[in-house]
């Protein structure tokens, strides 16, 4: 049996009650974009910041809880996923100490995996419920960024696996928007913003105009919806 997950407590005043009796059904992964883990924790606990998260994970794998999971942390901001616009009320936010310009440390990823496993079991959240900040806020946010290893989480059943089936032949933006919306990208954003958000999650190296491979990672889940 694995050792019990060790979690430090550093309560933040920046939280509220989940609205309309909502419960967590999403887990949103962020990066802090700050110089150190402690700087991020201090900011997320500062009343004037008016931001917070449920957890922060350091590069060394140390997990700090700032907000009780039953409460509404202020981490997602404006955005939408699967038609839900109050993502804060329906999610748990995890901040990874990283500026997005380098890979995430092995110890940090291991701690994230263990924490995700615990949270998903506790709230009955499936792999489809694990998303990035950039997924719900295309064009406004880019974290956890191109360096985050989503495929590692997918292989462990901690994020929805990307599709591998043959893609549709009609490579049109209207068709791409339809499939992306079914996948979860329901926000009203420009075509190029939507394409950039989907690529950031599944094909961060891709550039240029829409191509068939942009459909593939989101096609299977859409086809089975």
C-alpha atoms as a PDB file:
ATOM      1  CA  UNK A   1       0.000   0.000   0.000  1.00  0.00           C
ATOM      2  CA  UNK A   2       1.322   3.457  -0.895  1.00  0.00           C
ATOM      3  CA  UNK A   3       2.188   5.836   1.898  1.00  0.00           C
ATOM      4  CA  UNK A   4      -0.487   8.344   2.849  1.00  0.00           C
ATOM      5  CA  UNK A   5      -0.137  11.530   0.855  1.00  0.00           C
ATOM      6  CA  UNK A   6       1.573  14.196   2.958  1.00  0.00           C
ATOM      7  CA  UNK A   7      -0.069  17.593   2.572  1.00  0.00           C
ATOM      8  CA  UNK A   8       0.964  20.791   4.321  1.00  0.00           C
ATOM      9  CA  UNK A   9      -1.698  23.302   5.325  1.00  0.00           C
ATOM     10  CA  UNK A  10      -1.418  27.033   4.613  1.00  0.00           C
ATOM     11  CA  UNK A  11      -4.978  28.428   4.676  1.00  0.00           C
ATOM     12  CA  UNK A  12      -5.849  31.232   2.278  1.00  0.00           C
ATOM     13  CA  UNK A  13      -8.626  33.737   3.042  1.00  0.00           C
ATOM     14  CA  UNK A  14      -9.481  33.900  -0.648  1.00  0.00           C
ATOM     15  CA  UNK A  15     -12.423  31.547  -1.034  1.00  0.00           C
ATOM     16  CA  UNK A  16     -16.192  31.367  -0.777  1.00  0.00           C
ATOM     17  CA  UNK A  17     -19.129  28.972  -0.846  1.00  0.00           C
ATOM     18  CA  UNK A  18     -19.741  26.937  -3.995  1.00  0.00           C
ATOM     19  CA  UNK A  19     -22.787  28.450  -5.671  1.00  0.00           C
ATOM     20  CA  UNK A  20     -26.116  26.702  -6.143  1.00  0.00           C
ATOM     21  CA  UNK A  21     -24.984  23.673  -4.148  1.00  0.00           C
ATOM     22  CA  UNK A  22     -22.432  22.740  -6.809  1.00  0.00           C
ATOM     23  CA  UNK A  23     -19.836  20.052  -6.172  1.00  0.00           C
ATOM     24  CA  UNK A  24     -16.455  19.521  -7.846  1.00  0.00           C
ATOM     25  CA  UNK A  25     -16.735  17.824 -11.213  1.00  0.00           C
ATOM     26  CA  UNK A  26     -13.596  19.309 -12.781  1.00  0.00           C
ATOM     27  CA  UNK A  27      -9.949  19.542 -11.794  1.00  0.00           C
ATOM     28  CA  UNK A  28      -8.105  22.463 -13.374  1.00  0.00           C
ATOM     29  CA  UNK A  29      -4.311  22.375 -13.684  1.00  0.00           C
ATOM     30  CA  UNK A  30      -2.349  25.643 -13.693  1.00  0.00           C
ATOM     31  CA  UNK A  31       1.213  26.833 -13.459  1.00  0.00           C
ATOM     32  CA  UNK A  32       2.099  29.619 -11.038  1.00  0.00           C
ATOM     33  CA  UNK A  33       4.333  31.739 -13.333  1.00  0.00           C
ATOM     34  CA  UNK A  34       6.156  33.011 -10.250  1.00  0.00           C
ATOM     35  CA  UNK A  35       9.791  32.925  -9.154  1.00  0.00           C
ATOM     36  CA  UNK A  36       9.309  30.407  -6.345  1.00  0.00           C
ATOM     37  CA  UNK A  37       6.746  28.164  -4.710  1.00  0.00           C
ATOM     38  CA  UNK A  38       6.701  30.309  -1.582  1.00  0.00           C
ATOM     39  CA  UNK A  39       6.125  33.466  -3.603  1.00  0.00           C
ATOM     40  CA  UNK A  40       3.148  31.789  -5.255  1.00  0.00           C
ATOM     41  CA  UNK A  41       1.724  30.630  -1.930  1.00  0.00           C
ATOM     42  CA  UNK A  42       2.160  34.093  -0.427  1.00  0.00           C
ATOM     43  CA  UNK A  43       0.340  35.686  -3.376  1.00  0.00           C
ATOM     44  CA  UNK A  44      -2.482  33.155  -3.375  1.00  0.00           C
ATOM     45  CA  UNK A  45      -2.970  33.838   0.334  1.00  0.00           C
ATOM     46  CA  UNK A  46      -2.835  37.641   0.116  1.00  0.00           C
ATOM     47  CA  UNK A  47      -6.311  39.171   0.593  1.00  0.00           C
ATOM     48  CA  UNK A  48      -5.670  41.902  -1.974  1.00  0.00           C
ATOM     49  CA  UNK A  49      -4.736  39.349  -4.636  1.00  0.00           C
ATOM     50  CA  UNK A  50      -8.288  37.982  -4.764  1.00  0.00           C
ATOM     51  CA  UNK A  51      -6.969  34.748  -6.261  1.00  0.00           C
ATOM     52  CA  UNK A  52      -6.319  31.333  -4.769  1.00  0.00           C
ATOM     53  CA  UNK A  53      -6.217  27.630  -5.509  1.00  0.00           C
ATOM     54  CA  UNK A  54      -6.929  24.511  -3.548  1.00  0.00           C
ATOM     55  CA  UNK A  55      -3.385  23.160  -3.861  1.00  0.00           C
ATOM     56  CA  UNK A  56       0.132  24.217  -4.814  1.00  0.00           C
ATOM     57  CA  UNK A  57       2.796  21.640  -5.699  1.00  0.00           C
ATOM     58  CA  UNK A  58       6.503  22.524  -5.568  1.00  0.00           C
ATOM     59  CA  UNK A  59       9.132  21.158  -7.987  1.00  0.00           C
ATOM     60  CA  UNK A  60      10.279  18.884  -5.154  1.00  0.00           C
ATOM     61  CA  UNK A  61       6.807  17.358  -4.898  1.00  0.00           C
ATOM     62  CA  UNK A  62       5.718  19.113  -1.715  1.00  0.00           C
ATOM     63  CA  UNK A  63       1.943  19.623  -1.683  1.00  0.00           C
ATOM     64  CA  UNK A  64       0.406  22.585   0.158  1.00  0.00           C
ATOM     65  CA  UNK A  65      -3.343  22.951   0.591  1.00  0.00           C
ATOM     66  CA  UNK A  66      -4.678  26.504   0.657  1.00  0.00           C
ATOM     67  CA  UNK A  67      -8.438  26.000   0.403  1.00  0.00           C
ATOM     68  CA  UNK A  68     -10.692  23.168   1.569  1.00  0.00           C
ATOM     69  CA  UNK A  69     -11.991  21.146  -1.373  1.00  0.00           C
ATOM     70  CA  UNK A  70     -15.580  21.750  -0.283  1.00  0.00           C
ATOM     71  CA  UNK A  71     -15.119  25.479  -0.753  1.00  0.00           C
ATOM     72  CA  UNK A  72     -14.905  27.642  -3.878  1.00  0.00           C
ATOM     73  CA  UNK A  73     -11.345  28.769  -4.599  1.00  0.00           C
ATOM     74  CA  UNK A  74     -10.745  31.673  -6.984  1.00  0.00           C
ATOM     75  CA  UNK A  75      -8.487  30.086  -9.579  1.00  0.00           C
ATOM     76  CA  UNK A  76     -10.304  29.754 -12.904  1.00  0.00           C
ATOM     77  CA  UNK A  77     -11.595  33.251 -13.583  1.00  0.00           C
ATOM     78  CA  UNK A  78     -13.602  34.040 -16.690  1.00  0.00           C
ATOM     79  CA  UNK A  79     -14.048  31.069 -18.976  1.00  0.00           C
ATOM     80  CA  UNK A  80     -16.259  28.144 -19.895  1.00  0.00           C
ATOM     81  CA  UNK A  81     -16.091  24.365 -20.211  1.00  0.00           C
ATOM     82  CA  UNK A  82     -18.901  22.146 -21.444  1.00  0.00           C
ATOM     83  CA  UNK A  83     -21.296  25.061 -21.085  1.00  0.00           C
ATOM     84  CA  UNK A  84     -20.347  25.774 -17.467  1.00  0.00           C
ATOM     85  CA  UNK A  85     -19.335  29.410 -16.976  1.00  0.00           C
ATOM     86  CA  UNK A  86     -18.877  29.327 -13.196  1.00  0.00           C
ATOM     87  CA  UNK A  87     -15.983  26.912 -13.300  1.00  0.00           C
ATOM     88  CA  UNK A  88     -14.800  27.907  -9.818  1.00  0.00           C
ATOM     89  CA  UNK A  89     -17.968  26.508  -8.253  1.00  0.00           C
ATOM     90  CA  UNK A  90     -17.544  23.176 -10.008  1.00  0.00           C
ATOM     91  CA  UNK A  91     -13.826  22.620  -9.846  1.00  0.00           C
ATOM     92  CA  UNK A  92     -10.713  22.053  -7.784  1.00  0.00           C
ATOM     93  CA  UNK A  93      -7.664  24.095  -8.766  1.00  0.00           C
ATOM     94  CA  UNK A  94      -4.099  22.781  -8.629  1.00  0.00           C
ATOM     95  CA  UNK A  95      -1.154  25.150  -9.145  1.00  0.00           C
ATOM     96  CA  UNK A  96       2.205  23.737 -10.207  1.00  0.00           C
ATOM     97  CA  UNK A  97       5.234  25.869  -9.360  1.00  0.00           C
ATOM     98  CA  UNK A  98       6.640  26.501 -12.830  1.00  0.00           C
ATOM     99  CA  UNK A  99       6.902  29.453 -15.205  1.00  0.00           C
ATOM    100  CA  UNK A 100       5.959  27.389 -18.234  1.00  0.00           C
ATOM    101  CA  UNK A 101       9.363  27.724 -19.872  1.00  0.00           C
ATOM    102  CA  UNK A 102      10.844  24.423 -18.710  1.00  0.00           C
ATOM    103  CA  UNK A 103       9.646  20.834 -18.152  1.00  0.00           C
ATOM    104  CA  UNK A 104       7.840  19.947 -14.956  1.00  0.00           C
ATOM    105  CA  UNK A 105      10.038  18.133 -12.440  1.00  0.00           C
ATOM    106  CA  UNK A 106       9.621  14.368 -12.005  1.00  0.00           C
ATOM    107  CA  UNK A 107       8.879  14.694  -8.280  1.00  0.00           C
ATOM    108  CA  UNK A 108       6.279  17.344  -9.016  1.00  0.00           C
ATOM    109  CA  UNK A 109       4.547  15.178 -11.613  1.00  0.00           C
ATOM    110  CA  UNK A 110       4.542  12.169  -9.280  1.00  0.00           C
ATOM    111  CA  UNK A 111       2.962  14.261  -6.519  1.00  0.00           C
ATOM    112  CA  UNK A 112       0.391  15.604  -8.977  1.00  0.00           C
ATOM    113  CA  UNK A 113      -0.515  12.088 -10.084  1.00  0.00           C
ATOM    114  CA  UNK A 114      -1.045  10.925  -6.503  1.00  0.00           C
ATOM    115  CA  UNK A 115      -3.096  14.006  -5.662  1.00  0.00           C
ATOM    116  CA  UNK A 116      -5.227  13.646  -8.788  1.00  0.00           C
ATOM    117  CA  UNK A 117      -5.877  10.015  -7.974  1.00  0.00           C
ATOM    118  CA  UNK A 118      -7.070  10.961  -4.480  1.00  0.00           C
ATOM    119  CA  UNK A 119      -9.287  13.830  -5.624  1.00  0.00           C
ATOM    120  CA  UNK A 120     -10.828  11.896  -8.509  1.00  0.00           C
ATOM    121  CA  UNK A 121     -11.724   9.031  -6.194  1.00  0.00           C
ATOM    122  CA  UNK A 122     -13.063  11.324  -3.492  1.00  0.00           C
ATOM    123  CA  UNK A 123     -15.359  13.295  -5.825  1.00  0.00           C
ATOM    124  CA  UNK A 124     -16.015  10.628  -8.460  1.00  0.00           C
ATOM    125  CA  UNK A 125     -14.374  12.701 -11.200  1.00  0.00           C
ATOM    126  CA  UNK A 126     -13.416  10.795 -14.338  1.00  0.00           C
ATOM    127  CA  UNK A 127     -10.513  11.489 -16.707  1.00  0.00           C
ATOM    128  CA  UNK A 128     -12.708  13.805 -18.806  1.00  0.00           C
ATOM    129  CA  UNK A 129     -12.905  16.131 -15.830  1.00  0.00           C
ATOM    130  CA  UNK A 130      -9.175  16.906 -15.721  1.00  0.00           C
ATOM    131  CA  UNK A 131      -8.411  19.967 -17.843  1.00  0.00           C
ATOM    132  CA  UNK A 132      -5.932  22.805 -18.168  1.00  0.00           C
ATOM    133  CA  UNK A 133      -6.555  26.469 -17.447  1.00  0.00           C
ATOM    134  CA  UNK A 134      -5.994  27.119 -21.161  1.00  0.00           C
ATOM    135  CA  UNK A 135      -8.808  24.716 -22.053  1.00  0.00           C
ATOM    136  CA  UNK A 136     -11.473  26.723 -20.256  1.00  0.00           C
ATOM    137  CA  UNK A 137     -10.045  30.150 -21.089  1.00  0.00           C
ATOM    138  CA  UNK A 138      -8.749  30.027 -24.712  1.00  0.00           C
ATOM    139  CA  UNK A 139      -6.802  33.122 -25.649  1.00  0.00           C
ATOM    140  CA  UNK A 140      -6.763  34.424 -22.078  1.00  0.00           C
ATOM    141  CA  UNK A 141      -4.672  31.728 -20.403  1.00  0.00           C
ATOM    142  CA  UNK A 142      -1.972  29.351 -21.664  1.00  0.00           C
ATOM    143  CA  UNK A 143      -1.170  27.353 -18.535  1.00  0.00           C
ATOM    144  CA  UNK A 144      -0.128  24.663 -17.836  1.00  0.00           C
ATOM    145  CA  UNK A 145       1.495  25.284 -21.213  1.00  0.00           C
ATOM    146  CA  UNK A 146       3.322  23.454 -23.959  1.00  0.00           C
ATOM    147  CA  UNK A 147       5.821  21.847 -21.565  1.00  0.00           C
ATOM    148  CA  UNK A 148       3.190  20.015 -19.539  1.00  0.00           C
ATOM    149  CA  UNK A 149       3.099  16.253 -20.167  1.00  0.00           C
ATOM    150  CA  UNK A 150      -0.578  15.553 -20.764  1.00  0.00           C
ATOM    151  CA  UNK A 151       0.145  12.204 -22.404  1.00  0.00           C
ATOM    152  CA  UNK A 152       1.720  10.973 -19.177  1.00  0.00           C
ATOM    153  CA  UNK A 153      -1.545  11.660 -17.339  1.00  0.00           C
ATOM    154  CA  UNK A 154      -3.540  10.071 -20.151  1.00  0.00           C
ATOM    155  CA  UNK A 155      -1.565   6.834 -19.929  1.00  0.00           C
ATOM    156  CA  UNK A 156      -2.295   6.667 -16.190  1.00  0.00           C
ATOM    157  CA  UNK A 157      -6.026   7.275 -16.646  1.00  0.00           C
ATOM    158  CA  UNK A 158      -5.742  10.706 -15.026  1.00  0.00           C
ATOM    159  CA  UNK A 159      -6.817  12.688 -18.108  1.00  0.00           C
ATOM    160  CA  UNK A 160      -8.966  11.864 -21.107  1.00  0.00           C
ATOM    161  CA  UNK A 161      -7.046   9.953 -23.752  1.00  0.00           C
ATOM    162  CA  UNK A 162      -6.703  11.666 -27.099  1.00  0.00           C
ATOM    163  CA  UNK A 163      -8.401  10.117 -30.078  1.00  0.00           C
ATOM    164  CA  UNK A 164      -6.480   7.955 -32.528  1.00  0.00           C
ATOM    165  CA  UNK A 165      -9.218   7.078 -35.025  1.00  0.00           C
ATOM    166  CA  UNK A 166      -9.418   8.182 -38.642  1.00  0.00           C
ATOM    167  CA  UNK A 167     -10.466  11.784 -38.925  1.00  0.00           C
ATOM    168  CA  UNK A 168     -13.352  13.245 -40.968  1.00  0.00           C
ATOM    169  CA  UNK A 169     -12.635  14.191 -44.557  1.00  0.00           C
ATOM    170  CA  UNK A 170     -14.295  17.612 -44.428  1.00  0.00           C
ATOM    171  CA  UNK A 171     -11.469  19.714 -43.031  1.00  0.00           C
ATOM    172  CA  UNK A 172     -13.479  22.856 -42.443  1.00  0.00           C
ATOM    173  CA  UNK A 173     -13.320  25.220 -39.494  1.00  0.00           C
ATOM    174  CA  UNK A 174     -17.064  24.957 -38.929  1.00  0.00           C
ATOM    175  CA  UNK A 175     -16.692  21.186 -38.531  1.00  0.00           C
ATOM    176  CA  UNK A 176     -13.704  21.661 -36.231  1.00  0.00           C
ATOM    177  CA  UNK A 177     -15.684  24.073 -34.049  1.00  0.00           C
ATOM    178  CA  UNK A 178     -18.524  21.571 -33.795  1.00  0.00           C
ATOM    179  CA  UNK A 179     -16.222  18.750 -32.712  1.00  0.00           C
ATOM    180  CA  UNK A 180     -14.282  20.978 -30.308  1.00  0.00           C
ATOM    181  CA  UNK A 181     -17.517  22.118 -28.679  1.00  0.00           C
ATOM    182  CA  UNK A 182     -18.633  18.539 -28.141  1.00  0.00           C
ATOM    183  CA  UNK A 183     -15.268  17.825 -26.576  1.00  0.00           C
ATOM    184  CA  UNK A 184     -15.737  20.661 -24.080  1.00  0.00           C
ATOM    185  CA  UNK A 185     -14.501  23.855 -25.722  1.00  0.00           C
ATOM    186  CA  UNK A 186     -17.843  25.625 -25.526  1.00  0.00           C
ATOM    187  CA  UNK A 187     -16.660  29.219 -25.122  1.00  0.00           C
ATOM    188  CA  UNK A 188     -17.412  31.800 -27.795  1.00  0.00           C
ATOM    189  CA  UNK A 189     -13.949  32.591 -29.158  1.00  0.00           C
ATOM    190  CA  UNK A 190     -12.454  33.331 -32.563  1.00  0.00           C
ATOM    191  CA  UNK A 191     -11.495  30.463 -34.867  1.00  0.00           C
ATOM    192  CA  UNK A 192      -7.762  31.040 -34.495  1.00  0.00           C
ATOM    193  CA  UNK A 193      -8.082  31.240 -30.696  1.00  0.00           C
ATOM    194  CA  UNK A 194      -9.939  27.957 -30.531  1.00  0.00           C
ATOM    195  CA  UNK A 195      -7.434  26.226 -32.793  1.00  0.00           C
ATOM    196  CA  UNK A 196      -4.542  27.535 -30.692  1.00  0.00           C
ATOM    197  CA  UNK A 197      -6.154  26.262 -27.476  1.00  0.00           C
ATOM    198  CA  UNK A 198      -6.768  22.769 -28.836  1.00  0.00           C
ATOM    199  CA  UNK A 199      -3.249  22.616 -30.225  1.00  0.00           C
ATOM    200  CA  UNK A 200      -1.757  23.807 -26.936  1.00  0.00           C
ATOM    201  CA  UNK A 201      -3.362  20.834 -25.221  1.00  0.00           C
ATOM    202  CA  UNK A 202      -2.739  18.155 -27.841  1.00  0.00           C
ATOM    203  CA  UNK A 203      -0.270  19.393 -30.506  1.00  0.00           C
ATOM    204  CA  UNK A 204       1.754  22.275 -28.979  1.00  0.00           C
ATOM    205  CA  UNK A 205       4.390  22.118 -31.721  1.00  0.00           C
ATOM    206  CA  UNK A 206       1.842  22.606 -34.541  1.00  0.00           C
ATOM    207  CA  UNK A 207       1.669  25.800 -36.587  1.00  0.00           C
ATOM    208  CA  UNK A 208      -0.151  27.130 -39.616  1.00  0.00           C
ATOM    209  CA  UNK A 209      -3.629  26.538 -40.948  1.00  0.00           C
ATOM    210  CA  UNK A 210      -6.098  23.909 -39.785  1.00  0.00           C
ATOM    211  CA  UNK A 211      -5.142  20.387 -40.902  1.00  0.00           C
ATOM    212  CA  UNK A 212      -6.651  16.940 -40.467  1.00  0.00           C
ATOM    213  CA  UNK A 213      -4.351  16.077 -37.568  1.00  0.00           C
ATOM    214  CA  UNK A 214      -5.933  18.874 -35.521  1.00  0.00           C
ATOM    215  CA  UNK A 215      -9.152  16.854 -35.549  1.00  0.00           C
ATOM    216  CA  UNK A 216      -7.676  13.560 -34.425  1.00  0.00           C
ATOM    217  CA  UNK A 217      -7.156  14.089 -30.656  1.00  0.00           C
ATOM    218  CA  UNK A 218     -10.694  15.355 -30.104  1.00  0.00           C
ATOM    219  CA  UNK A 219     -12.444  13.295 -32.760  1.00  0.00           C
ATOM    220  CA  UNK A 220     -12.973  10.009 -30.946  1.00  0.00           C
ATOM    221  CA  UNK A 221     -14.665  11.506 -27.921  1.00  0.00           C
ATOM    222  CA  UNK A 222     -16.844  13.650 -30.165  1.00  0.00           C
ATOM    223  CA  UNK A 223     -17.822  10.731 -32.358  1.00  0.00           C
ATOM    224  CA  UNK A 224     -18.911   8.723 -29.322  1.00  0.00           C
ATOM    225  CA  UNK A 225     -20.841  11.563 -27.703  1.00  0.00           C
END
